[in-house]
Amino acid sequence: IADTTALKKIGEVAFFEARKEDDMSKDMYFWDAGYFLPANMALTEKGLYFYYNPYEAAPYALGPTEYTIPYDQLKGVLQSDYLAK
């Protein structure tokens, strides 16, 4: 990752987009610690995949949170060697 700060901003937007149907206030996630990048990330054919285990970022009853950020949104964030060509 070339720019962790930018990735956090993009990841936070994508996180709340993935959780938009939960009908919960944003302050109910991450237990007032603020958004953080997950320990579980992977490069896939579609982009950078994020996975939060149940209770890692949201109440356990909501289950895991997973989403993918497309490569076209990651220019300048990932080192160019890792961007899909």
PDB file of N, CA and C in Angstrom:
ATOM      1  N   ILE A   1       0.864  -1.175   0.000  1.00  0.00           N
ATOM      2  CA  ILE A   1       0.000   0.000   0.000  1.00  0.00           C
ATOM      3  C   ILE A   1       0.899   1.222   0.000  1.00  0.00           C
ATOM      4  N   ALA A   2       0.669   2.100  -0.954  1.00  0.00           N
ATOM      5  CA  ALA A   2       1.489   3.295  -1.097  1.00  0.00           C
ATOM      6  C   ALA A   2       0.974   4.451  -0.233  1.00  0.00           C
ATOM      7  N   ASP A   3      -0.339   4.501   0.025  1.00  0.00           N
ATOM      8  CA  ASP A   3      -0.928   5.614   0.766  1.00  0.00           C
ATOM      9  C   ASP A   3      -2.014   5.085   1.706  1.00  0.00           C
ATOM     10  N   THR A   4      -1.617   4.765   2.930  1.00  0.00           N
ATOM     11  CA  THR A   4      -2.541   4.195   3.909  1.00  0.00           C
ATOM     12  C   THR A   4      -3.640   5.187   4.296  1.00  0.00           C
ATOM     13  N   THR A   5      -3.307   6.455   4.401  1.00  0.00           N
ATOM     14  CA  THR A   5      -4.298   7.465   4.771  1.00  0.00           C
ATOM     15  C   THR A   5      -5.408   7.536   3.729  1.00  0.00           C
ATOM     16  N   ALA A   6      -5.048   7.548   2.460  1.00  0.00           N
ATOM     17  CA  ALA A   6      -6.052   7.577   1.389  1.00  0.00           C
ATOM     18  C   ALA A   6      -6.874   6.290   1.385  1.00  0.00           C
ATOM     19  N   LEU A   7      -6.228   5.154   1.642  1.00  0.00           N
ATOM     20  CA  LEU A   7      -6.955   3.885   1.672  1.00  0.00           C
ATOM     21  C   LEU A   7      -7.974   3.878   2.798  1.00  0.00           C
ATOM     22  N   LYS A   8      -7.619   4.438   3.951  1.00  0.00           N
ATOM     23  CA  LYS A   8      -8.577   4.516   5.054  1.00  0.00           C
ATOM     24  C   LYS A   8      -9.801   5.334   4.671  1.00  0.00           C
ATOM     25  N   LYS A   9      -9.612   6.432   3.978  1.00  0.00           N
ATOM     26  CA  LYS A   9     -10.736   7.275   3.557  1.00  0.00           C
ATOM     27  C   LYS A   9     -11.635   6.527   2.577  1.00  0.00           C
ATOM     28  N   ILE A  10     -11.029   5.881   1.594  1.00  0.00           N
ATOM     29  CA  ILE A  10     -11.793   5.125   0.597  1.00  0.00           C
ATOM     30  C   ILE A  10     -12.478   3.929   1.261  1.00  0.00           C
ATOM     31  N   GLY A  11     -11.752   3.254   2.136  1.00  0.00           N
ATOM     32  CA  GLY A  11     -12.303   2.094   2.830  1.00  0.00           C
ATOM     33  C   GLY A  11     -13.473   2.439   3.718  1.00  0.00           C
ATOM     34  N   GLU A  12     -13.408   3.570   4.383  1.00  0.00           N
ATOM     35  CA  GLU A  12     -14.507   3.992   5.264  1.00  0.00           C
ATOM     36  C   GLU A  12     -15.775   4.243   4.460  1.00  0.00           C
ATOM     37  N   VAL A  13     -15.651   4.927   3.347  1.00  0.00           N
ATOM     38  CA  VAL A  13     -16.818   5.177   2.485  1.00  0.00           C
ATOM     39  C   VAL A  13     -17.410   3.843   2.025  1.00  0.00           C
ATOM     40  N   ALA A  14     -16.546   2.930   1.584  1.00  0.00           N
ATOM     41  CA  ALA A  14     -17.005   1.631   1.100  1.00  0.00           C
ATOM     42  C   ALA A  14     -17.628   0.804   2.222  1.00  0.00           C
ATOM     43  N   PHE A  15     -17.084   0.901   3.425  1.00  0.00           N
ATOM     44  CA  PHE A  15     -17.637   0.167   4.568  1.00  0.00           C
ATOM     45  C   PHE A  15     -19.084   0.586   4.809  1.00  0.00           C
ATOM     46  N   PHE A  16     -19.308   1.882   4.909  1.00  0.00           N
ATOM     47  CA  PHE A  16     -20.663   2.355   5.209  1.00  0.00           C
ATOM     48  C   PHE A  16     -21.613   2.148   4.036  1.00  0.00           C
ATOM     49  N   GLU A  17     -21.094   2.105   2.829  1.00  0.00           N
ATOM     50  CA  GLU A  17     -21.919   1.750   1.673  1.00  0.00           C
ATOM     51  C   GLU A  17     -22.350   0.291   1.779  1.00  0.00           C
ATOM     52  N   ALA A  18     -21.436  -0.568   2.200  1.00  0.00           N
ATOM     53  CA  ALA A  18     -21.747  -1.994   2.349  1.00  0.00           C
ATOM     54  C   ALA A  18     -22.751  -2.232   3.473  1.00  0.00           C
ATOM     55  N   ARG A  19     -22.762  -1.365   4.465  1.00  0.00           N
ATOM     56  CA  ARG A  19     -23.643  -1.510   5.626  1.00  0.00           C
ATOM     57  C   ARG A  19     -24.845  -0.567   5.598  1.00  0.00           C
ATOM     58  N   LYS A  20     -25.118   0.062   4.472  1.00  0.00           N
ATOM     59  CA  LYS A  20     -26.158   1.099   4.417  1.00  0.00           C
ATOM     60  C   LYS A  20     -27.559   0.579   4.753  1.00  0.00           C
ATOM     61  N   GLU A  21     -27.824  -0.692   4.542  1.00  0.00           N
ATOM     62  CA  GLU A  21     -29.163  -1.223   4.787  1.00  0.00           C
ATOM     63  C   GLU A  21     -29.381  -1.663   6.231  1.00  0.00           C
ATOM     64  N   ASP A  22     -28.392  -1.520   7.082  1.00  0.00           N
ATOM     65  CA  ASP A  22     -28.511  -1.958   8.473  1.00  0.00           C
ATOM     66  C   ASP A  22     -29.377  -1.037   9.313  1.00  0.00           C
ATOM     67  N   ASP A  23     -29.599   0.175   8.844  1.00  0.00           N
ATOM     68  CA  ASP A  23     -30.429   1.140   9.567  1.00  0.00           C
ATOM     69  C   ASP A  23     -29.874   1.419  10.969  1.00  0.00           C
ATOM     70  N   MET A  24     -28.549   1.563  11.041  1.00  0.00           N
ATOM     71  CA  MET A  24     -27.908   1.904  12.300  1.00  0.00           C
ATOM     72  C   MET A  24     -27.127   3.203  12.132  1.00  0.00           C
ATOM     73  N   SER A  25     -26.962   3.912  13.209  1.00  0.00           N
ATOM     74  CA  SER A  25     -26.171   5.130  13.209  1.00  0.00           C
ATOM     75  C   SER A  25     -24.699   4.781  13.007  1.00  0.00           C
ATOM     76  N   LYS A  26     -23.955   5.655  12.315  1.00  0.00           N
ATOM     77  CA  LYS A  26     -22.532   5.402  12.070  1.00  0.00           C
ATOM     78  C   LYS A  26     -21.733   5.251  13.359  1.00  0.00           C
ATOM     79  N   ASP A  27     -22.175   5.884  14.428  1.00  0.00           N
ATOM     80  CA  ASP A  27     -21.423   5.777  15.674  1.00  0.00           C
ATOM     81  C   ASP A  27     -21.636   4.443  16.386  1.00  0.00           C
ATOM     82  N   MET A  28     -22.501   3.583  15.847  1.00  0.00           N
ATOM     83  CA  MET A  28     -22.716   2.253  16.417  1.00  0.00           C
ATOM     84  C   MET A  28     -21.657   1.256  15.939  1.00  0.00           C
ATOM     85  N   TYR A  29     -20.894   1.631  14.933  1.00  0.00           N
ATOM     86  CA  TYR A  29     -19.845   0.770  14.407  1.00  0.00           C
ATOM     87  C   TYR A  29     -18.502   1.132  15.043  1.00  0.00           C
ATOM     88  N   PHE A  30     -17.632   0.187  15.143  1.00  0.00           N
ATOM     89  CA  PHE A  30     -16.267   0.376  15.630  1.00  0.00           C
ATOM     90  C   PHE A  30     -16.210   0.862  17.073  1.00  0.00           C
ATOM     91  N   TRP A  31     -17.306   0.788  17.799  1.00  0.00           N
ATOM     92  CA  TRP A  31     -17.373   1.085  19.229  1.00  0.00           C
ATOM     93  C   TRP A  31     -16.627   2.358  19.607  1.00  0.00           C
ATOM     94  N   ASP A  32     -16.928   3.406  18.888  1.00  0.00           N
ATOM     95  CA  ASP A  32     -16.350   4.737  19.126  1.00  0.00           C
ATOM     96  C   ASP A  32     -14.839   4.803  18.936  1.00  0.00           C
ATOM     97  N   ALA A  33     -14.240   3.778  18.375  1.00  0.00           N
ATOM     98  CA  ALA A  33     -12.803   3.801  18.120  1.00  0.00           C
ATOM     99  C   ALA A  33     -12.493   4.447  16.774  1.00  0.00           C
ATOM    100  N   GLY A  34     -13.511   4.679  15.966  1.00  0.00           N
ATOM    101  CA  GLY A  34     -13.311   5.218  14.633  1.00  0.00           C
ATOM    102  C   GLY A  34     -12.948   4.113  13.656  1.00  0.00           C
ATOM    103  N   TYR A  35     -13.132   4.397  12.398  1.00  0.00           N
ATOM    104  CA  TYR A  35     -12.879   3.411  11.350  1.00  0.00           C
ATOM    105  C   TYR A  35     -11.423   2.960  11.368  1.00  0.00           C
ATOM    106  N   PHE A  36     -11.214   1.674  11.140  1.00  0.00           N
ATOM    107  CA  PHE A  36      -9.858   1.142  10.980  1.00  0.00           C
ATOM    108  C   PHE A  36      -9.869   0.102   9.869  1.00  0.00           C
ATOM    109  N   LEU A  37      -8.727  -0.072   9.239  1.00  0.00           N
ATOM    110  CA  LEU A  37      -8.594  -1.070   8.182  1.00  0.00           C
ATOM    111  C   LEU A  37      -8.644  -2.459   8.797  1.00  0.00           C
ATOM    112  N   PRO A  38      -9.236  -3.417   8.099  1.00  0.00           N
ATOM    113  CA  PRO A  38      -9.310  -4.768   8.656  1.00  0.00           C
ATOM    114  C   PRO A  38      -7.960  -5.483   8.590  1.00  0.00           C
ATOM    115  N   ALA A  39      -7.822  -6.493   9.415  1.00  0.00           N
ATOM    116  CA  ALA A  39      -6.620  -7.332   9.367  1.00  0.00           C
ATOM    117  C   ALA A  39      -6.668  -8.240   8.145  1.00  0.00           C
ATOM    118  N   ASN A  40      -7.864  -8.476   7.622  1.00  0.00           N
ATOM    119  CA  ASN A  40      -8.059  -9.400   6.510  1.00  0.00           C
ATOM    120  C   ASN A  40      -8.346  -8.644   5.217  1.00  0.00           C
ATOM    121  N   MET A  41      -7.354  -8.594   4.335  1.00  0.00           N
ATOM    122  CA  MET A  41      -7.492  -7.974   3.023  1.00  0.00           C
ATOM    123  C   MET A  41      -6.836  -8.899   2.003  1.00  0.00           C
ATOM    124  N   ALA A  42      -7.334  -8.829   0.767  1.00  0.00           N
ATOM    125  CA  ALA A  42      -6.745  -9.658  -0.294  1.00  0.00           C
ATOM    126  C   ALA A  42      -6.927  -8.964  -1.636  1.00  0.00           C
ATOM    127  N   LEU A  43      -5.974  -9.158  -2.521  1.00  0.00           N
ATOM    128  CA  LEU A  43      -6.108  -8.686  -3.890  1.00  0.00           C
ATOM    129  C   LEU A  43      -6.860  -9.753  -4.680  1.00  0.00           C
ATOM    130  N   THR A  44      -7.908  -9.343  -5.370  1.00  0.00           N
ATOM    131  CA  THR A  44      -8.696 -10.259  -6.182  1.00  0.00           C
ATOM    132  C   THR A  44      -8.710  -9.747  -7.616  1.00  0.00           C
ATOM    133  N   GLU A  45      -9.392 -10.456  -8.482  1.00  0.00           N
ATOM    134  CA  GLU A  45      -9.514  -9.996  -9.870  1.00  0.00           C
ATOM    135  C   GLU A  45     -10.263  -8.675  -9.964  1.00  0.00           C
ATOM    136  N   LYS A  46     -11.168  -8.417  -9.024  1.00  0.00           N
ATOM    137  CA  LYS A  46     -12.020  -7.228  -9.079  1.00  0.00           C
ATOM    138  C   LYS A  46     -11.461  -6.032  -8.322  1.00  0.00           C
ATOM    139  N   GLY A  47     -10.570  -6.270  -7.373  1.00  0.00           N
ATOM    140  CA  GLY A  47     -10.034  -5.167  -6.593  1.00  0.00           C
ATOM    141  C   GLY A  47      -9.500  -5.631  -5.255  1.00  0.00           C
ATOM    142  N   LEU A  48      -9.439  -4.717  -4.294  1.00  0.00           N
ATOM    143  CA  LEU A  48      -8.948  -5.010  -2.958  1.00  0.00           C
ATOM    144  C   LEU A  48     -10.139  -5.401  -2.091  1.00  0.00           C
ATOM    145  N   TYR A  49     -10.128  -6.647  -1.622  1.00  0.00           N
ATOM    146  CA  TYR A  49     -11.213  -7.232  -0.847  1.00  0.00           C
ATOM    147  C   TYR A  49     -10.955  -7.016   0.642  1.00  0.00           C
ATOM    148  N   PHE A  50     -11.975  -6.549   1.361  1.00  0.00           N
ATOM    149  CA  PHE A  50     -11.892  -6.308   2.791  1.00  0.00           C
ATOM    150  C   PHE A  50     -12.854  -7.257   3.499  1.00  0.00           C
ATOM    151  N   TYR A  51     -12.432  -7.805   4.635  1.00  0.00           N
ATOM    152  CA  TYR A  51     -13.285  -8.703   5.412  1.00  0.00           C
ATOM    153  C   TYR A  51     -13.117  -8.403   6.891  1.00  0.00           C
ATOM    154  N   TYR A  52     -14.228  -8.076   7.561  1.00  0.00           N
ATOM    155  CA  TYR A  52     -14.259  -7.891   9.008  1.00  0.00           C
ATOM    156  C   TYR A  52     -15.015  -9.067   9.608  1.00  0.00           C
ATOM    157  N   ASN A  53     -14.436  -9.731  10.583  1.00  0.00           N
ATOM    158  CA  ASN A  53     -15.109 -10.824  11.277  1.00  0.00           C
ATOM    159  C   ASN A  53     -16.312 -10.285  12.049  1.00  0.00           C
ATOM    160  N   PRO A  54     -17.288 -11.157  12.365  1.00  0.00           N
ATOM    161  CA  PRO A  54     -18.397 -10.705  13.202  1.00  0.00           C
ATOM    162  C   PRO A  54     -17.861 -10.086  14.499  1.00  0.00           C
ATOM    163  N   TYR A  55     -18.461  -8.999  14.908  1.00  0.00           N
ATOM    164  CA  TYR A  55     -18.145  -8.256  16.118  1.00  0.00           C
ATOM    165  C   TYR A  55     -16.835  -7.469  16.035  1.00  0.00           C
ATOM    166  N   GLU A  56     -16.131  -7.560  14.927  1.00  0.00           N
ATOM    167  CA  GLU A  56     -14.897  -6.783  14.785  1.00  0.00           C
ATOM    168  C   GLU A  56     -15.204  -5.304  14.539  1.00  0.00           C
ATOM    169  N   ALA A  57     -16.261  -5.041  13.764  1.00  0.00           N
ATOM    170  CA  ALA A  57     -16.586  -3.665  13.413  1.00  0.00           C
ATOM    171  C   ALA A  57     -18.068  -3.346  13.579  1.00  0.00           C
ATOM    172  N   ALA A  58     -18.867  -4.360  13.816  1.00  0.00           N
ATOM    173  CA  ALA A  58     -20.318  -4.194  13.927  1.00  0.00           C
ATOM    174  C   ALA A  58     -20.837  -5.214  14.940  1.00  0.00           C
ATOM    175  N   PRO A  59     -22.051  -5.011  15.436  1.00  0.00           N
ATOM    176  CA  PRO A  59     -22.615  -5.987  16.369  1.00  0.00           C
ATOM    177  C   PRO A  59     -22.594  -7.406  15.783  1.00  0.00           C
ATOM    178  N   TYR A  60     -22.368  -8.382  16.649  1.00  0.00           N
ATOM    179  CA  TYR A  60     -22.249  -9.776  16.229  1.00  0.00           C
ATOM    180  C   TYR A  60     -23.452 -10.238  15.416  1.00  0.00           C
ATOM    181  N   ALA A  61     -24.639  -9.781  15.774  1.00  0.00           N
ATOM    182  CA  ALA A  61     -25.871 -10.199  15.089  1.00  0.00           C
ATOM    183  C   ALA A  61     -25.884  -9.810  13.610  1.00  0.00           C
ATOM    184  N   LEU A  62     -25.085  -8.816  13.227  1.00  0.00           N
ATOM    185  CA  LEU A  62     -25.036  -8.398  11.823  1.00  0.00           C
ATOM    186  C   LEU A  62     -24.115  -9.276  10.994  1.00  0.00           C
ATOM    187  N   GLY A  63     -23.330 -10.115  11.653  1.00  0.00           N
ATOM    188  CA  GLY A  63     -22.431 -11.006  10.925  1.00  0.00           C
ATOM    189  C   GLY A  63     -21.202 -10.280  10.411  1.00  0.00           C
ATOM    190  N   PRO A  64     -20.461 -10.932   9.514  1.00  0.00           N
ATOM    191  CA  PRO A  64     -19.252 -10.303   8.981  1.00  0.00           C
ATOM    192  C   PRO A  64     -19.581  -9.171   8.014  1.00  0.00           C
ATOM    193  N   THR A  65     -18.629  -8.325   7.800  1.00  0.00           N
ATOM    194  CA  THR A  65     -18.745  -7.267   6.802  1.00  0.00           C
ATOM    195  C   THR A  65     -17.685  -7.528   5.752  1.00  0.00           C
ATOM    196  N   GLU A  66     -18.091  -7.544   4.487  1.00  0.00           N
ATOM    197  CA  GLU A  66     -17.130  -7.746   3.413  1.00  0.00           C
ATOM    198  C   GLU A  66     -17.512  -6.882   2.225  1.00  0.00           C
ATOM    199  N   TYR A  67     -16.492  -6.381   1.557  1.00  0.00           N
ATOM    200  CA  TYR A  67     -16.692  -5.553   0.372  1.00  0.00           C
ATOM    201  C   TYR A  67     -15.390  -5.481  -0.408  1.00  0.00           C
ATOM    202  N   THR A  68     -15.503  -5.075  -1.656  1.00  0.00           N
ATOM    203  CA  THR A  68     -14.342  -4.954  -2.533  1.00  0.00           C
ATOM    204  C   THR A  68     -14.264  -3.539  -3.074  1.00  0.00           C
ATOM    205  N   ILE A  69     -13.080  -2.968  -3.041  1.00  0.00           N
ATOM    206  CA  ILE A  69     -12.845  -1.658  -3.640  1.00  0.00           C
ATOM    207  C   ILE A  69     -12.215  -1.907  -5.006  1.00  0.00           C
ATOM    208  N   PRO A  70     -12.876  -1.462  -6.084  1.00  0.00           N
ATOM    209  CA  PRO A  70     -12.345  -1.707  -7.434  1.00  0.00           C
ATOM    210  C   PRO A  70     -10.986  -1.029  -7.641  1.00  0.00           C
ATOM    211  N   TYR A  71     -10.188  -1.642  -8.493  1.00  0.00           N
ATOM    212  CA  TYR A  71      -8.850  -1.119  -8.778  1.00  0.00           C
ATOM    213  C   TYR A  71      -8.865   0.315  -9.301  1.00  0.00           C
ATOM    214  N   ASP A  72      -9.901   0.694 -10.052  1.00  0.00           N
ATOM    215  CA  ASP A  72      -9.923   2.057 -10.599  1.00  0.00           C
ATOM    216  C   ASP A  72     -10.015   3.115  -9.491  1.00  0.00           C
ATOM    217  N   GLN A  73     -10.429   2.734  -8.290  1.00  0.00           N
ATOM    218  CA  GLN A  73     -10.480   3.659  -7.156  1.00  0.00           C
ATOM    219  C   GLN A  73      -9.193   3.638  -6.339  1.00  0.00           C
ATOM    220  N   LEU A  74      -8.272   2.767  -6.707  1.00  0.00           N
ATOM    221  CA  LEU A  74      -7.065   2.573  -5.906  1.00  0.00           C
ATOM    222  C   LEU A  74      -5.794   3.136  -6.539  1.00  0.00           C
ATOM    223  N   LYS A  75      -5.936   3.902  -7.601  1.00  0.00           N
ATOM    224  CA  LYS A  75      -4.756   4.517  -8.223  1.00  0.00           C
ATOM    225  C   LYS A  75      -4.145   5.517  -7.238  1.00  0.00           C
ATOM    226  N   GLY A  76      -2.860   5.390  -7.029  1.00  0.00           N
ATOM    227  CA  GLY A  76      -2.177   6.235  -6.056  1.00  0.00           C
ATOM    228  C   GLY A  76      -2.231   5.676  -4.643  1.00  0.00           C
ATOM    229  N   VAL A  77      -3.072   4.683  -4.423  1.00  0.00           N
ATOM    230  CA  VAL A  77      -3.204   4.067  -3.107  1.00  0.00           C
ATOM    231  C   VAL A  77      -2.390   2.778  -3.044  1.00  0.00           C
ATOM    232  N   LEU A  78      -2.546   1.949  -4.067  1.00  0.00           N
ATOM    233  CA  LEU A  78      -1.735   0.739  -4.175  1.00  0.00           C
ATOM    234  C   LEU A  78      -0.498   1.041  -4.999  1.00  0.00           C
ATOM    235  N   GLN A  79       0.584   0.354  -4.706  1.00  0.00           N
ATOM    236  CA  GLN A  79       1.759   0.494  -5.549  1.00  0.00           C
ATOM    237  C   GLN A  79       1.384   0.023  -6.944  1.00  0.00           C
ATOM    238  N   SER A  80       1.885   0.687  -7.953  1.00  0.00           N
ATOM    239  CA  SER A  80       1.478   0.420  -9.337  1.00  0.00           C
ATOM    240  C   SER A  80       1.692  -1.032  -9.762  1.00  0.00           C
ATOM    241  N   ASP A  81       2.632  -1.724  -9.156  1.00  0.00           N
ATOM    242  CA  ASP A  81       2.867  -3.144  -9.483  1.00  0.00           C
ATOM    243  C   ASP A  81       1.665  -4.007  -9.185  1.00  0.00           C
ATOM    244  N   TYR A  82       0.800  -3.562  -8.270  1.00  0.00           N
ATOM    245  CA  TYR A  82      -0.337  -4.368  -7.839  1.00  0.00           C
ATOM    246  C   TYR A  82      -1.662  -3.964  -8.485  1.00  0.00           C
ATOM    247  N   LEU A  83      -1.656  -2.931  -9.289  1.00  0.00           N
ATOM    248  CA  LEU A  83      -2.872  -2.529  -9.980  1.00  0.00           C
ATOM    249  C   LEU A  83      -3.097  -3.425 -11.182  1.00  0.00           C
ATOM    250  N   ALA A  84      -4.364  -3.791 -11.380  1.00  0.00           N
ATOM    251  CA  ALA A  84      -4.704  -4.632 -12.549  1.00  0.00           C
ATOM    252  C   ALA A  84      -4.381  -3.870 -13.821  1.00  0.00           C
ATOM    253  N   LYS A  85      -3.908  -4.557 -14.788  1.00  0.00           N
ATOM    254  CA  LYS A  85      -3.537  -3.916 -16.048  1.00  0.00           C
ATOM    255  C   LYS A  85      -4.642  -4.044 -17.055  1.00  0.00           C
TER     256      LYS A  85
END
